[in-house]
């Protein structure tokens, strides 16, 4: 059910260290490692964003079950949100690939915190 191309090298698929995932372009905080869960797709999956404005969403053409997602701060294209496809009923699943950077817990900077 994936709408993204898989090129290999998705480094965060099985990555579960504590920390924050930020936009690779501007460093804005997007997801906490606490919202990440194991999933069968090759991309990392999350259930919620850190901030209400972490991401912007728009409808995916011809796919009612998916939204295109971009960084809420700089507009960098991030991936998709699949509606009602999370680990619990009614929960959505965000998936991304090379659009993310990981900042280990305790290593956050003002850029990764969106300040």
PDB file of N, CA and C in Angstrom:
ATOM      1  N   UNK A   1       0.818  -1.188   0.000  1.00  0.00           N
ATOM      2  CA  UNK A   1       0.000   0.000   0.000  1.00  0.00           C
ATOM      3  C   UNK A   1       0.862   1.252   0.000  1.00  0.00           C
ATOM      4  N   UNK A   2       2.107   1.161  -0.311  1.00  0.00           N
ATOM      5  CA  UNK A   2       2.992   2.310  -0.272  1.00  0.00           C
ATOM      6  C   UNK A   2       2.876   3.126  -1.550  1.00  0.00           C
ATOM      7  N   UNK A   3       2.908   4.457  -1.414  1.00  0.00           N
ATOM      8  CA  UNK A   3       2.863   5.342  -2.562  1.00  0.00           C
ATOM      9  C   UNK A   3       4.214   5.996  -2.797  1.00  0.00           C
ATOM     10  N   UNK A   4       5.220   5.669  -2.010  1.00  0.00           N
ATOM     11  CA  UNK A   4       6.553   6.245  -2.154  1.00  0.00           C
ATOM     12  C   UNK A   4       7.468   5.218  -2.808  1.00  0.00           C
ATOM     13  N   UNK A   5       8.451   5.688  -3.514  1.00  0.00           N
ATOM     14  CA  UNK A   5       9.415   4.779  -4.117  1.00  0.00           C
ATOM     15  C   UNK A   5      10.430   4.350  -3.076  1.00  0.00           C
ATOM     16  N   UNK A   6      10.810   3.099  -3.110  1.00  0.00           N
ATOM     17  CA  UNK A   6      11.809   2.582  -2.174  1.00  0.00           C
ATOM     18  C   UNK A   6      13.130   2.475  -2.904  1.00  0.00           C
ATOM     19  N   UNK A   7      14.131   3.184  -2.412  1.00  0.00           N
ATOM     20  CA  UNK A   7      15.452   3.169  -3.023  1.00  0.00           C
ATOM     21  C   UNK A   7      16.479   2.476  -2.148  1.00  0.00           C
ATOM     22  N   UNK A   8      16.087   1.978  -0.979  1.00  0.00           N
ATOM     23  CA  UNK A   8      17.030   1.360  -0.055  1.00  0.00           C
ATOM     24  C   UNK A   8      17.701   2.427   0.796  1.00  0.00           C
ATOM     25  N   UNK A   9      18.351   1.982   1.867  1.00  0.00           N
ATOM     26  CA  UNK A   9      19.079   2.908   2.706  1.00  0.00           C
ATOM     27  C   UNK A   9      18.226   3.736   3.646  1.00  0.00           C
ATOM     28  N   UNK A  10      17.000   3.349   3.893  1.00  0.00           N
ATOM     29  CA  UNK A  10      16.145   4.072   4.817  1.00  0.00           C
ATOM     30  C   UNK A  10      16.647   3.800   6.238  1.00  0.00           C
ATOM     31  N   UNK A  11      17.504   4.659   6.732  1.00  0.00           N
ATOM     32  CA  UNK A  11      18.271   4.409   7.950  1.00  0.00           C
ATOM     33  C   UNK A  11      17.449   4.407   9.233  1.00  0.00           C
ATOM     34  N   UNK A  12      16.249   4.966   9.228  1.00  0.00           N
ATOM     35  CA  UNK A  12      15.475   5.064  10.468  1.00  0.00           C
ATOM     36  C   UNK A  12      14.410   3.990  10.623  1.00  0.00           C
ATOM     37  N   UNK A  13      14.296   3.053   9.682  1.00  0.00           N
ATOM     38  CA  UNK A  13      13.258   2.034   9.763  1.00  0.00           C
ATOM     39  C   UNK A  13      13.323   1.271  11.084  1.00  0.00           C
ATOM     40  N   UNK A  14      14.471   0.781  11.457  1.00  0.00           N
ATOM     41  CA  UNK A  14      14.617  -0.014  12.677  1.00  0.00           C
ATOM     42  C   UNK A  14      15.407   0.729  13.748  1.00  0.00           C
ATOM     43  N   UNK A  15      15.294   2.018  13.753  1.00  0.00           N
ATOM     44  CA  UNK A  15      16.017   2.888  14.681  1.00  0.00           C
ATOM     45  C   UNK A  15      15.070   3.305  15.807  1.00  0.00           C
ATOM     46  N   UNK A  16      15.381   2.922  17.047  1.00  0.00           N
ATOM     47  CA  UNK A  16      14.471   3.215  18.156  1.00  0.00           C
ATOM     48  C   UNK A  16      15.162   3.863  19.347  1.00  0.00           C
ATOM     49  N   UNK A  17      16.246   4.607  19.110  1.00  0.00           N
ATOM     50  CA  UNK A  17      16.908   5.330  20.194  1.00  0.00           C
ATOM     51  C   UNK A  17      16.043   6.515  20.623  1.00  0.00           C
ATOM     52  N   UNK A  18      16.145   6.933  21.905  1.00  0.00           N
ATOM     53  CA  UNK A  18      15.397   8.117  22.359  1.00  0.00           C
ATOM     54  C   UNK A  18      15.933   9.387  21.700  1.00  0.00           C
ATOM     55  N   UNK A  19      15.029  10.234  21.284  1.00  0.00           N
ATOM     56  CA  UNK A  19      15.423  11.490  20.671  1.00  0.00           C
ATOM     57  C   UNK A  19      14.291  12.110  19.886  1.00  0.00           C
ATOM     58  N   UNK A  20      14.667  13.000  18.977  1.00  0.00           N
ATOM     59  CA  UNK A  20      13.701  13.764  18.199  1.00  0.00           C
ATOM     60  C   UNK A  20      14.074  13.671  16.721  1.00  0.00           C
ATOM     61  N   UNK A  21      13.075  13.518  15.874  1.00  0.00           N
ATOM     62  CA  UNK A  21      13.263  13.546  14.431  1.00  0.00           C
ATOM     63  C   UNK A  21      12.886  14.947  13.960  1.00  0.00           C
ATOM     64  N   UNK A  22      13.807  15.576  13.213  1.00  0.00           N
ATOM     65  CA  UNK A  22      13.623  16.944  12.760  1.00  0.00           C
ATOM     66  C   UNK A  22      13.648  16.995  11.241  1.00  0.00           C
ATOM     67  N   UNK A  23      13.171  18.104  10.688  1.00  0.00           N
ATOM     68  CA  UNK A  23      13.225  18.331   9.244  1.00  0.00           C
ATOM     69  C   UNK A  23      14.685  18.399   8.814  1.00  0.00           C
ATOM     70  N   UNK A  24      15.049  17.648   7.781  1.00  0.00           N
ATOM     71  CA  UNK A  24      16.427  17.625   7.294  1.00  0.00           C
ATOM     72  C   UNK A  24      16.837  18.968   6.686  1.00  0.00           C
ATOM     73  N   UNK A  25      15.875  19.770   6.274  1.00  0.00           N
ATOM     74  CA  UNK A  25      16.192  21.050   5.633  1.00  0.00           C
ATOM     75  C   UNK A  25      16.357  22.182   6.649  1.00  0.00           C
ATOM     76  N   UNK A  26      15.414  22.316   7.619  1.00  0.00           N
ATOM     77  CA  UNK A  26      15.462  23.482   8.516  1.00  0.00           C
ATOM     78  C   UNK A  26      15.678  23.132   9.983  1.00  0.00           C
ATOM     79  N   UNK A  27      15.602  21.854  10.354  1.00  0.00           N
ATOM     80  CA  UNK A  27      15.831  21.445  11.734  1.00  0.00           C
ATOM     81  C   UNK A  27      14.627  21.554  12.655  1.00  0.00           C
ATOM     82  N   UNK A  28      13.444  21.870  12.126  1.00  0.00           N
ATOM     83  CA  UNK A  28      12.263  22.007  12.972  1.00  0.00           C
ATOM     84  C   UNK A  28      11.835  20.642  13.519  1.00  0.00           C
ATOM     85  N   UNK A  29      11.467  20.608  14.789  1.00  0.00           N
ATOM     86  CA  UNK A  29      11.037  19.359  15.431  1.00  0.00           C
ATOM     87  C   UNK A  29       9.759  18.836  14.799  1.00  0.00           C
ATOM     88  N   UNK A  30       9.774  17.570  14.429  1.00  0.00           N
ATOM     89  CA  UNK A  30       8.613  16.947  13.805  1.00  0.00           C
ATOM     90  C   UNK A  30       8.018  15.846  14.667  1.00  0.00           C
ATOM     91  N   UNK A  31       8.845  14.861  15.058  1.00  0.00           N
ATOM     92  CA  UNK A  31       8.350  13.689  15.771  1.00  0.00           C
ATOM     93  C   UNK A  31       9.274  13.318  16.921  1.00  0.00           C
ATOM     94  N   UNK A  32       8.682  12.853  18.005  1.00  0.00           N
ATOM     95  CA  UNK A  32       9.445  12.288  19.112  1.00  0.00           C
ATOM     96  C   UNK A  32       9.626  10.801  18.846  1.00  0.00           C
ATOM     97  N   UNK A  33      10.729  10.254  19.307  1.00  0.00           N
ATOM     98  CA  UNK A  33      10.937   8.808  19.167  1.00  0.00           C
ATOM     99  C   UNK A  33       9.853   8.034  19.928  1.00  0.00           C
ATOM    100  N   UNK A  34       9.208   8.676  20.886  1.00  0.00           N
ATOM    101  CA  UNK A  34       8.122   8.003  21.630  1.00  0.00           C
ATOM    102  C   UNK A  34       6.908   7.710  20.745  1.00  0.00           C
ATOM    103  N   UNK A  35       6.749   8.464  19.658  1.00  0.00           N
ATOM    104  CA  UNK A  35       5.602   8.230  18.772  1.00  0.00           C
ATOM    105  C   UNK A  35       5.944   7.315  17.601  1.00  0.00           C
ATOM    106  N   UNK A  36       7.169   6.805  17.567  1.00  0.00           N
ATOM    107  CA  UNK A  36       7.612   5.910  16.494  1.00  0.00           C
ATOM    108  C   UNK A  36       7.250   4.469  16.846  1.00  0.00           C
ATOM    109  N   UNK A  37       6.871   3.698  15.847  1.00  0.00           N
ATOM    110  CA  UNK A  37       6.546   2.290  16.092  1.00  0.00           C
ATOM    111  C   UNK A  37       7.023   1.433  14.926  1.00  0.00           C
ATOM    112  N   UNK A  38       7.227   0.162  15.224  1.00  0.00           N
ATOM    113  CA  UNK A  38       7.669  -0.791  14.203  1.00  0.00           C
ATOM    114  C   UNK A  38       6.552  -0.999  13.195  1.00  0.00           C
ATOM    115  N   UNK A  39       6.917  -1.029  11.927  1.00  0.00           N
ATOM    116  CA  UNK A  39       5.941  -1.184  10.853  1.00  0.00           C
ATOM    117  C   UNK A  39       6.597  -1.958   9.717  1.00  0.00           C
ATOM    118  N   UNK A  40       5.806  -2.589   8.880  1.00  0.00           N
ATOM    119  CA  UNK A  40       6.348  -3.428   7.812  1.00  0.00           C
ATOM    120  C   UNK A  40       6.891  -2.643   6.619  1.00  0.00           C
ATOM    121  N   UNK A  41       6.553  -1.353   6.505  1.00  0.00           N
ATOM    122  CA  UNK A  41       7.088  -0.583   5.383  1.00  0.00           C
ATOM    123  C   UNK A  41       8.572  -0.302   5.629  1.00  0.00           C
ATOM    124  N   UNK A  42       9.329   0.015   4.573  1.00  0.00           N
ATOM    125  CA  UNK A  42      10.754   0.295   4.756  1.00  0.00           C
ATOM    126  C   UNK A  42      11.027   1.660   5.374  1.00  0.00           C
ATOM    127  N   UNK A  43      10.016   2.478   5.585  1.00  0.00           N
ATOM    128  CA  UNK A  43      10.181   3.817   6.121  1.00  0.00           C
ATOM    129  C   UNK A  43       9.774   3.868   7.584  1.00  0.00           C
ATOM    130  N   UNK A  44      10.324   4.827   8.337  1.00  0.00           N
ATOM    131  CA  UNK A  44       9.916   4.970   9.737  1.00  0.00           C
ATOM    132  C   UNK A  44       8.459   5.411   9.819  1.00  0.00           C
ATOM    133  N   UNK A  45       7.754   4.935  10.838  1.00  0.00           N
ATOM    134  CA  UNK A  45       6.334   5.253  11.017  1.00  0.00           C
ATOM    135  C   UNK A  45       6.120   5.906  12.376  1.00  0.00           C
ATOM    136  N   UNK A  46       5.301   6.948  12.409  1.00  0.00           N
ATOM    137  CA  UNK A  46       4.994   7.697  13.612  1.00  0.00           C
ATOM    138  C   UNK A  46       3.490   7.862  13.736  1.00  0.00           C
ATOM    139  N   UNK A  47       3.014   8.055  14.960  1.00  0.00           N
ATOM    140  CA  UNK A  47       1.577   8.223  15.173  1.00  0.00           C
ATOM    141  C   UNK A  47       1.166   9.662  15.410  1.00  0.00           C
ATOM    142  N   UNK A  48       2.115  10.541  15.809  1.00  0.00           N
ATOM    143  CA  UNK A  48       1.744  11.932  16.065  1.00  0.00           C
ATOM    144  C   UNK A  48       2.958  12.841  15.958  1.00  0.00           C
ATOM    145  N   UNK A  49       2.678  14.117  15.751  1.00  0.00           N
ATOM    146  CA  UNK A  49       3.727  15.123  15.659  1.00  0.00           C
ATOM    147  C   UNK A  49       4.037  15.698  17.041  1.00  0.00           C
ATOM    148  N   UNK A  50       5.161  16.399  17.147  1.00  0.00           N
ATOM    149  CA  UNK A  50       5.524  17.051  18.408  1.00  0.00           C
ATOM    150  C   UNK A  50       4.667  18.284  18.640  1.00  0.00           C
ATOM    151  N   UNK A  51       4.558  19.143  17.638  1.00  0.00           N
ATOM    152  CA  UNK A  51       3.796  20.392  17.741  1.00  0.00           C
ATOM    153  C   UNK A  51       2.591  20.328  16.807  1.00  0.00           C
ATOM    154  N   UNK A  52       1.576  21.097  17.119  1.00  0.00           N
ATOM    155  CA  UNK A  52       0.405  21.159  16.244  1.00  0.00           C
ATOM    156  C   UNK A  52       0.789  21.651  14.849  1.00  0.00           C
ATOM    157  N   UNK A  53       1.831  22.489  14.760  1.00  0.00           N
ATOM    158  CA  UNK A  53       2.249  23.024  13.466  1.00  0.00           C
ATOM    159  C   UNK A  53       3.523  22.366  12.929  1.00  0.00           C
ATOM    160  N   UNK A  54       3.885  21.188  13.451  1.00  0.00           N
ATOM    161  CA  UNK A  54       5.088  20.503  12.964  1.00  0.00           C
ATOM    162  C   UNK A  54       5.001  20.196  11.476  1.00  0.00           C
ATOM    163  N   UNK A  55       3.816  19.841  11.009  1.00  0.00           N
ATOM    164  CA  UNK A  55       3.647  19.512   9.599  1.00  0.00           C
ATOM    165  C   UNK A  55       2.429  20.220   9.016  1.00  0.00           C
ATOM    166  N   UNK A  56       2.468  20.406   7.709  1.00  0.00           N
ATOM    167  CA  UNK A  56       1.320  20.883   6.948  1.00  0.00           C
ATOM    168  C   UNK A  56       0.856  19.711   6.095  1.00  0.00           C
ATOM    169  N   UNK A  57      -0.457  19.616   5.884  1.00  0.00           N
ATOM    170  CA  UNK A  57      -1.011  18.484   5.137  1.00  0.00           C
ATOM    171  C   UNK A  57      -1.897  18.990   4.012  1.00  0.00           C
ATOM    172  N   UNK A  58      -1.887  18.238   2.904  1.00  0.00           N
ATOM    173  CA  UNK A  58      -2.814  18.527   1.812  1.00  0.00           C
ATOM    174  C   UNK A  58      -3.265  17.202   1.202  1.00  0.00           C
ATOM    175  N   UNK A  59      -4.449  17.188   0.619  1.00  0.00           N
ATOM    176  CA  UNK A  59      -4.953  15.931   0.047  1.00  0.00           C
ATOM    177  C   UNK A  59      -4.024  15.358  -1.017  1.00  0.00           C
ATOM    178  N   UNK A  60      -3.923  14.051  -1.035  1.00  0.00           N
ATOM    179  CA  UNK A  60      -3.172  13.329  -2.067  1.00  0.00           C
ATOM    180  C   UNK A  60      -4.153  13.101  -3.214  1.00  0.00           C
ATOM    181  N   UNK A  61      -3.775  13.504  -4.406  1.00  0.00           N
ATOM    182  CA  UNK A  61      -4.677  13.368  -5.553  1.00  0.00           C
ATOM    183  C   UNK A  61      -5.094  11.916  -5.761  1.00  0.00           C
ATOM    184  N   UNK A  62      -6.393  11.684  -5.887  1.00  0.00           N
ATOM    185  CA  UNK A  62      -6.977  10.371  -6.169  1.00  0.00           C
ATOM    186  C   UNK A  62      -6.738   9.324  -5.077  1.00  0.00           C
ATOM    187  N   UNK A  63      -6.354   9.737  -3.871  1.00  0.00           N
ATOM    188  CA  UNK A  63      -6.149   8.787  -2.769  1.00  0.00           C
ATOM    189  C   UNK A  63      -6.751   9.379  -1.500  1.00  0.00           C
ATOM    190  N   UNK A  64      -7.993   9.081  -1.248  1.00  0.00           N
ATOM    191  CA  UNK A  64      -8.693   9.646  -0.093  1.00  0.00           C
ATOM    192  C   UNK A  64      -8.082   9.216   1.232  1.00  0.00           C
ATOM    193  N   UNK A  65      -7.365   8.102   1.250  1.00  0.00           N
ATOM    194  CA  UNK A  65      -6.801   7.580   2.495  1.00  0.00           C
ATOM    195  C   UNK A  65      -5.420   8.143   2.816  1.00  0.00           C
ATOM    196  N   UNK A  66      -4.887   9.042   1.974  1.00  0.00           N
ATOM    197  CA  UNK A  66      -3.536   9.560   2.190  1.00  0.00           C
ATOM    198  C   UNK A  66      -3.486  11.072   2.031  1.00  0.00           C
ATOM    199  N   UNK A  67      -2.624  11.697   2.818  1.00  0.00           N
ATOM    200  CA  UNK A  67      -2.362  13.123   2.720  1.00  0.00           C
ATOM    201  C   UNK A  67      -0.874  13.324   2.448  1.00  0.00           C
ATOM    202  N   UNK A  68      -0.537  14.296   1.600  1.00  0.00           N
ATOM    203  CA  UNK A  68       0.872  14.670   1.411  1.00  0.00           C
ATOM    204  C   UNK A  68       1.239  15.558   2.588  1.00  0.00           C
ATOM    205  N   UNK A  69       2.450  15.364   3.118  1.00  0.00           N
ATOM    206  CA  UNK A  69       2.879  16.077   4.318  1.00  0.00           C
ATOM    207  C   UNK A  69       4.179  16.820   4.036  1.00  0.00           C
ATOM    208  N   UNK A  70       4.241  18.062   4.514  1.00  0.00           N
ATOM    209  CA  UNK A  70       5.459  18.864   4.402  1.00  0.00           C
ATOM    210  C   UNK A  70       5.770  19.485   5.754  1.00  0.00           C
ATOM    211  N   UNK A  71       7.001  19.974   5.903  1.00  0.00           N
ATOM    212  CA  UNK A  71       7.416  20.618   7.141  1.00  0.00           C
ATOM    213  C   UNK A  71       6.543  21.845   7.377  1.00  0.00           C
ATOM    214  N   UNK A  72       6.054  22.003   8.591  1.00  0.00           N
ATOM    215  CA  UNK A  72       5.211  23.142   8.935  1.00  0.00           C
ATOM    216  C   UNK A  72       5.957  24.455   8.993  1.00  0.00           C
ATOM    217  N   UNK A  73       7.274  24.400   9.034  1.00  0.00           N
ATOM    218  CA  UNK A  73       8.072  25.633   9.110  1.00  0.00           C
ATOM    219  C   UNK A  73       8.600  26.059   7.744  1.00  0.00           C
ATOM    220  N   UNK A  74       9.250  25.150   7.001  1.00  0.00           N
ATOM    221  CA  UNK A  74       9.899  25.546   5.746  1.00  0.00           C
ATOM    222  C   UNK A  74       9.222  25.007   4.488  1.00  0.00           C
ATOM    223  N   UNK A  75       8.274  24.089   4.644  1.00  0.00           N
ATOM    224  CA  UNK A  75       7.569  23.547   3.485  1.00  0.00           C
ATOM    225  C   UNK A  75       8.252  22.383   2.797  1.00  0.00           C
ATOM    226  N   UNK A  76       9.383  21.913   3.326  1.00  0.00           N
ATOM    227  CA  UNK A  76      10.098  20.773   2.744  1.00  0.00           C
ATOM    228  C   UNK A  76       9.174  19.558   2.656  1.00  0.00           C
ATOM    229  N   UNK A  77       9.114  18.917   1.501  1.00  0.00           N
ATOM    230  CA  UNK A  77       8.296  17.717   1.334  1.00  0.00           C
ATOM    231  C   UNK A  77       8.823  16.592   2.217  1.00  0.00           C
ATOM    232  N   UNK A  78       7.933  15.977   2.993  1.00  0.00           N
ATOM    233  CA  UNK A  78       8.352  14.960   3.956  1.00  0.00           C
ATOM    234  C   UNK A  78       7.878  13.555   3.617  1.00  0.00           C
ATOM    235  N   UNK A  79       6.664  13.417   3.160  1.00  0.00           N
ATOM    236  CA  UNK A  79       6.128  12.083   2.914  1.00  0.00           C
ATOM    237  C   UNK A  79       4.618  12.095   2.933  1.00  0.00           C
ATOM    238  N   UNK A  80       4.038  11.100   3.624  1.00  0.00           N
ATOM    239  CA  UNK A  80       2.587  10.935   3.641  1.00  0.00           C
ATOM    240  C   UNK A  80       2.059  10.634   5.034  1.00  0.00           C
ATOM    241  N   UNK A  81       0.794  10.965   5.221  1.00  0.00           N
ATOM    242  CA  UNK A  81       0.047  10.500   6.382  1.00  0.00           C
ATOM    243  C   UNK A  81      -1.035   9.583   5.827  1.00  0.00           C
ATOM    244  N   UNK A  82      -1.070   8.356   6.334  1.00  0.00           N
ATOM    245  CA  UNK A  82      -2.097   7.403   5.925  1.00  0.00           C
ATOM    246  C   UNK A  82      -3.161   7.380   7.013  1.00  0.00           C
ATOM    247  N   UNK A  83      -4.356   7.795   6.642  1.00  0.00           N
ATOM    248  CA  UNK A  83      -5.446   7.941   7.605  1.00  0.00           C
ATOM    249  C   UNK A  83      -5.967   6.591   8.070  1.00  0.00           C
ATOM    250  N   UNK A  84      -6.218   6.484   9.363  1.00  0.00           N
ATOM    251  CA  UNK A  84      -6.762   5.263   9.980  1.00  0.00           C
ATOM    252  C   UNK A  84      -5.925   4.025   9.665  1.00  0.00           C
ATOM    253  N   UNK A  85      -4.610   4.185   9.639  1.00  0.00           N
ATOM    254  CA  UNK A  85      -3.707   3.080   9.323  1.00  0.00           C
ATOM    255  C   UNK A  85      -2.606   2.955  10.379  1.00  0.00           C
ATOM    256  N   UNK A  86      -2.882   3.443  11.584  1.00  0.00           N
ATOM    257  CA  UNK A  86      -1.900   3.388  12.665  1.00  0.00           C
ATOM    258  C   UNK A  86      -1.983   2.088  13.440  1.00  0.00           C
ATOM    259  N   UNK A  87      -1.212   1.995  14.519  1.00  0.00           N
ATOM    260  CA  UNK A  87      -1.187   0.767  15.306  1.00  0.00           C
ATOM    261  C   UNK A  87      -2.454   0.535  16.128  1.00  0.00           C
ATOM    262  N   UNK A  88      -3.267   1.594  16.317  1.00  0.00           N
ATOM    263  CA  UNK A  88      -4.530   1.478  17.049  1.00  0.00           C
ATOM    264  C   UNK A  88      -5.664   1.951  16.155  1.00  0.00           C
ATOM    265  N   UNK A  89      -6.878   1.458  16.360  1.00  0.00           N
ATOM    266  CA  UNK A  89      -8.018   1.890  15.543  1.00  0.00           C
ATOM    267  C   UNK A  89      -8.187   3.409  15.567  1.00  0.00           C
ATOM    268  N   UNK A  90      -8.404   3.996  14.399  1.00  0.00           N
ATOM    269  CA  UNK A  90      -8.614   5.428  14.273  1.00  0.00           C
ATOM    270  C   UNK A  90      -7.340   6.256  14.258  1.00  0.00           C
ATOM    271  N   UNK A  91      -6.189   5.646  14.449  1.00  0.00           N
ATOM    272  CA  UNK A  91      -4.918   6.365  14.480  1.00  0.00           C
ATOM    273  C   UNK A  91      -4.317   6.414  13.080  1.00  0.00           C
ATOM    274  N   UNK A  92      -3.672   7.523  12.755  1.00  0.00           N
ATOM    275  CA  UNK A  92      -3.020   7.663  11.454  1.00  0.00           C
ATOM    276  C   UNK A  92      -1.554   7.265  11.556  1.00  0.00           C
ATOM    277  N   UNK A  93      -0.952   7.035  10.393  1.00  0.00           N
ATOM    278  CA  UNK A  93       0.457   6.647  10.317  1.00  0.00           C
ATOM    279  C   UNK A  93       1.178   7.636   9.413  1.00  0.00           C
ATOM    280  N   UNK A  94       2.206   8.276   9.939  1.00  0.00           N
ATOM    281  CA  UNK A  94       3.063   9.150   9.152  1.00  0.00           C
ATOM    282  C   UNK A  94       4.266   8.342   8.709  1.00  0.00           C
ATOM    283  N   UNK A  95       4.642   8.414   7.444  1.00  0.00           N
ATOM    284  CA  UNK A  95       5.867   7.737   7.000  1.00  0.00           C
ATOM    285  C   UNK A  95       6.728   8.698   6.195  1.00  0.00           C
ATOM    286  N   UNK A  96       8.045   8.601   6.412  1.00  0.00           N
ATOM    287  CA  UNK A  96       9.002   9.492   5.774  1.00  0.00           C
ATOM    288  C   UNK A  96      10.289   8.750   5.508  1.00  0.00           C
ATOM    289  N   UNK A  97      11.119   9.316   4.669  1.00  0.00           N
ATOM    290  CA  UNK A  97      12.422   8.691   4.407  1.00  0.00           C
ATOM    291  C   UNK A  97      13.537   9.696   4.626  1.00  0.00           C
ATOM    292  N   UNK A  98      14.207  10.116   3.597  1.00  0.00           N
ATOM    293  CA  UNK A  98      15.400  10.947   3.738  1.00  0.00           C
ATOM    294  C   UNK A  98      15.099  12.386   4.139  1.00  0.00           C
ATOM    295  N   UNK A  99      13.846  12.718   4.377  1.00  0.00           N
ATOM    296  CA  UNK A  99      13.475  14.076   4.764  1.00  0.00           C
ATOM    297  C   UNK A  99      13.699  14.346   6.241  1.00  0.00           C
ATOM    298  N   UNK A 100      14.146  13.335   6.988  1.00  0.00           N
ATOM    299  CA  UNK A 100      14.312  13.467   8.433  1.00  0.00           C
ATOM    300  C   UNK A 100      15.775  13.379   8.845  1.00  0.00           C
ATOM    301  N   UNK A 101      16.081  14.046   9.943  1.00  0.00           N
ATOM    302  CA  UNK A 101      17.353  13.875  10.641  1.00  0.00           C
ATOM    303  C   UNK A 101      16.996  13.475  12.067  1.00  0.00           C
ATOM    304  N   UNK A 102      17.841  12.678  12.684  1.00  0.00           N
ATOM    305  CA  UNK A 102      17.615  12.259  14.065  1.00  0.00           C
ATOM    306  C   UNK A 102      18.557  13.023  14.990  1.00  0.00           C
ATOM    307  N   UNK A 103      17.997  13.550  16.085  1.00  0.00           N
ATOM    308  CA  UNK A 103      18.782  14.233  17.107  1.00  0.00           C
ATOM    309  C   UNK A 103      18.634  13.415  18.393  1.00  0.00           C
ATOM    310  N   UNK A 104      19.721  12.778  18.874  1.00  0.00           N
ATOM    311  CA  UNK A 104      19.625  11.959  20.084  1.00  0.00           C
ATOM    312  C   UNK A 104      19.187  12.785  21.294  1.00  0.00           C
ATOM    313  N   UNK A 105      18.509  12.143  22.214  1.00  0.00           N
ATOM    314  CA  UNK A 105      18.050  12.803  23.437  1.00  0.00           C
ATOM    315  C   UNK A 105      19.254  13.436  24.132  1.00  0.00           C
ATOM    316  N   UNK A 106      19.095  14.676  24.583  1.00  0.00           N
ATOM    317  CA  UNK A 106      20.165  15.400  25.244  1.00  0.00           C
ATOM    318  C   UNK A 106      21.055  16.183  24.304  1.00  0.00           C
ATOM    319  N   UNK A 107      20.896  15.999  22.993  1.00  0.00           N
ATOM    320  CA  UNK A 107      21.728  16.697  21.997  1.00  0.00           C
ATOM    321  C   UNK A 107      20.939  17.756  21.227  1.00  0.00           C
ATOM    322  N   UNK A 108      19.708  18.041  21.676  1.00  0.00           N
ATOM    323  CA  UNK A 108      18.873  19.002  20.981  1.00  0.00           C
ATOM    324  C   UNK A 108      19.557  20.370  20.975  1.00  0.00           C
ATOM    325  N   UNK A 109      19.333  21.114  19.887  1.00  0.00           N
ATOM    326  CA  UNK A 109      19.849  22.469  19.754  1.00  0.00           C
ATOM    327  C   UNK A 109      18.669  23.397  19.577  1.00  0.00           C
ATOM    328  N   UNK A 110      18.905  24.690  19.600  1.00  0.00           N
ATOM    329  CA  UNK A 110      17.807  25.627  19.389  1.00  0.00           C
ATOM    330  C   UNK A 110      17.210  25.455  17.996  1.00  0.00           C
ATOM    331  N   UNK A 111      18.006  25.050  17.006  1.00  0.00           N
ATOM    332  CA  UNK A 111      17.478  24.821  15.656  1.00  0.00           C
ATOM    333  C   UNK A 111      16.539  23.643  15.628  1.00  0.00           C
ATOM    334  N   UNK A 112      16.897  22.559  16.339  1.00  0.00           N
ATOM    335  CA  UNK A 112      16.036  21.372  16.324  1.00  0.00           C
ATOM    336  C   UNK A 112      14.791  21.595  17.155  1.00  0.00           C
ATOM    337  N   UNK A 113      14.790  22.616  17.989  1.00  0.00           N
ATOM    338  CA  UNK A 113      13.615  22.922  18.792  1.00  0.00           C
ATOM    339  C   UNK A 113      12.754  23.998  18.145  1.00  0.00           C
ATOM    340  N   UNK A 114      13.161  24.443  16.972  1.00  0.00           N
ATOM    341  CA  UNK A 114      12.360  25.408  16.226  1.00  0.00           C
ATOM    342  C   UNK A 114      12.461  26.811  16.765  1.00  0.00           C
ATOM    343  N   UNK A 115      13.493  27.174  17.528  1.00  0.00           N
ATOM    344  CA  UNK A 115      13.640  28.516  18.091  1.00  0.00           C
ATOM    345  C   UNK A 115      14.524  29.365  17.220  1.00  0.00           C
TER     346      UNK A 115
END
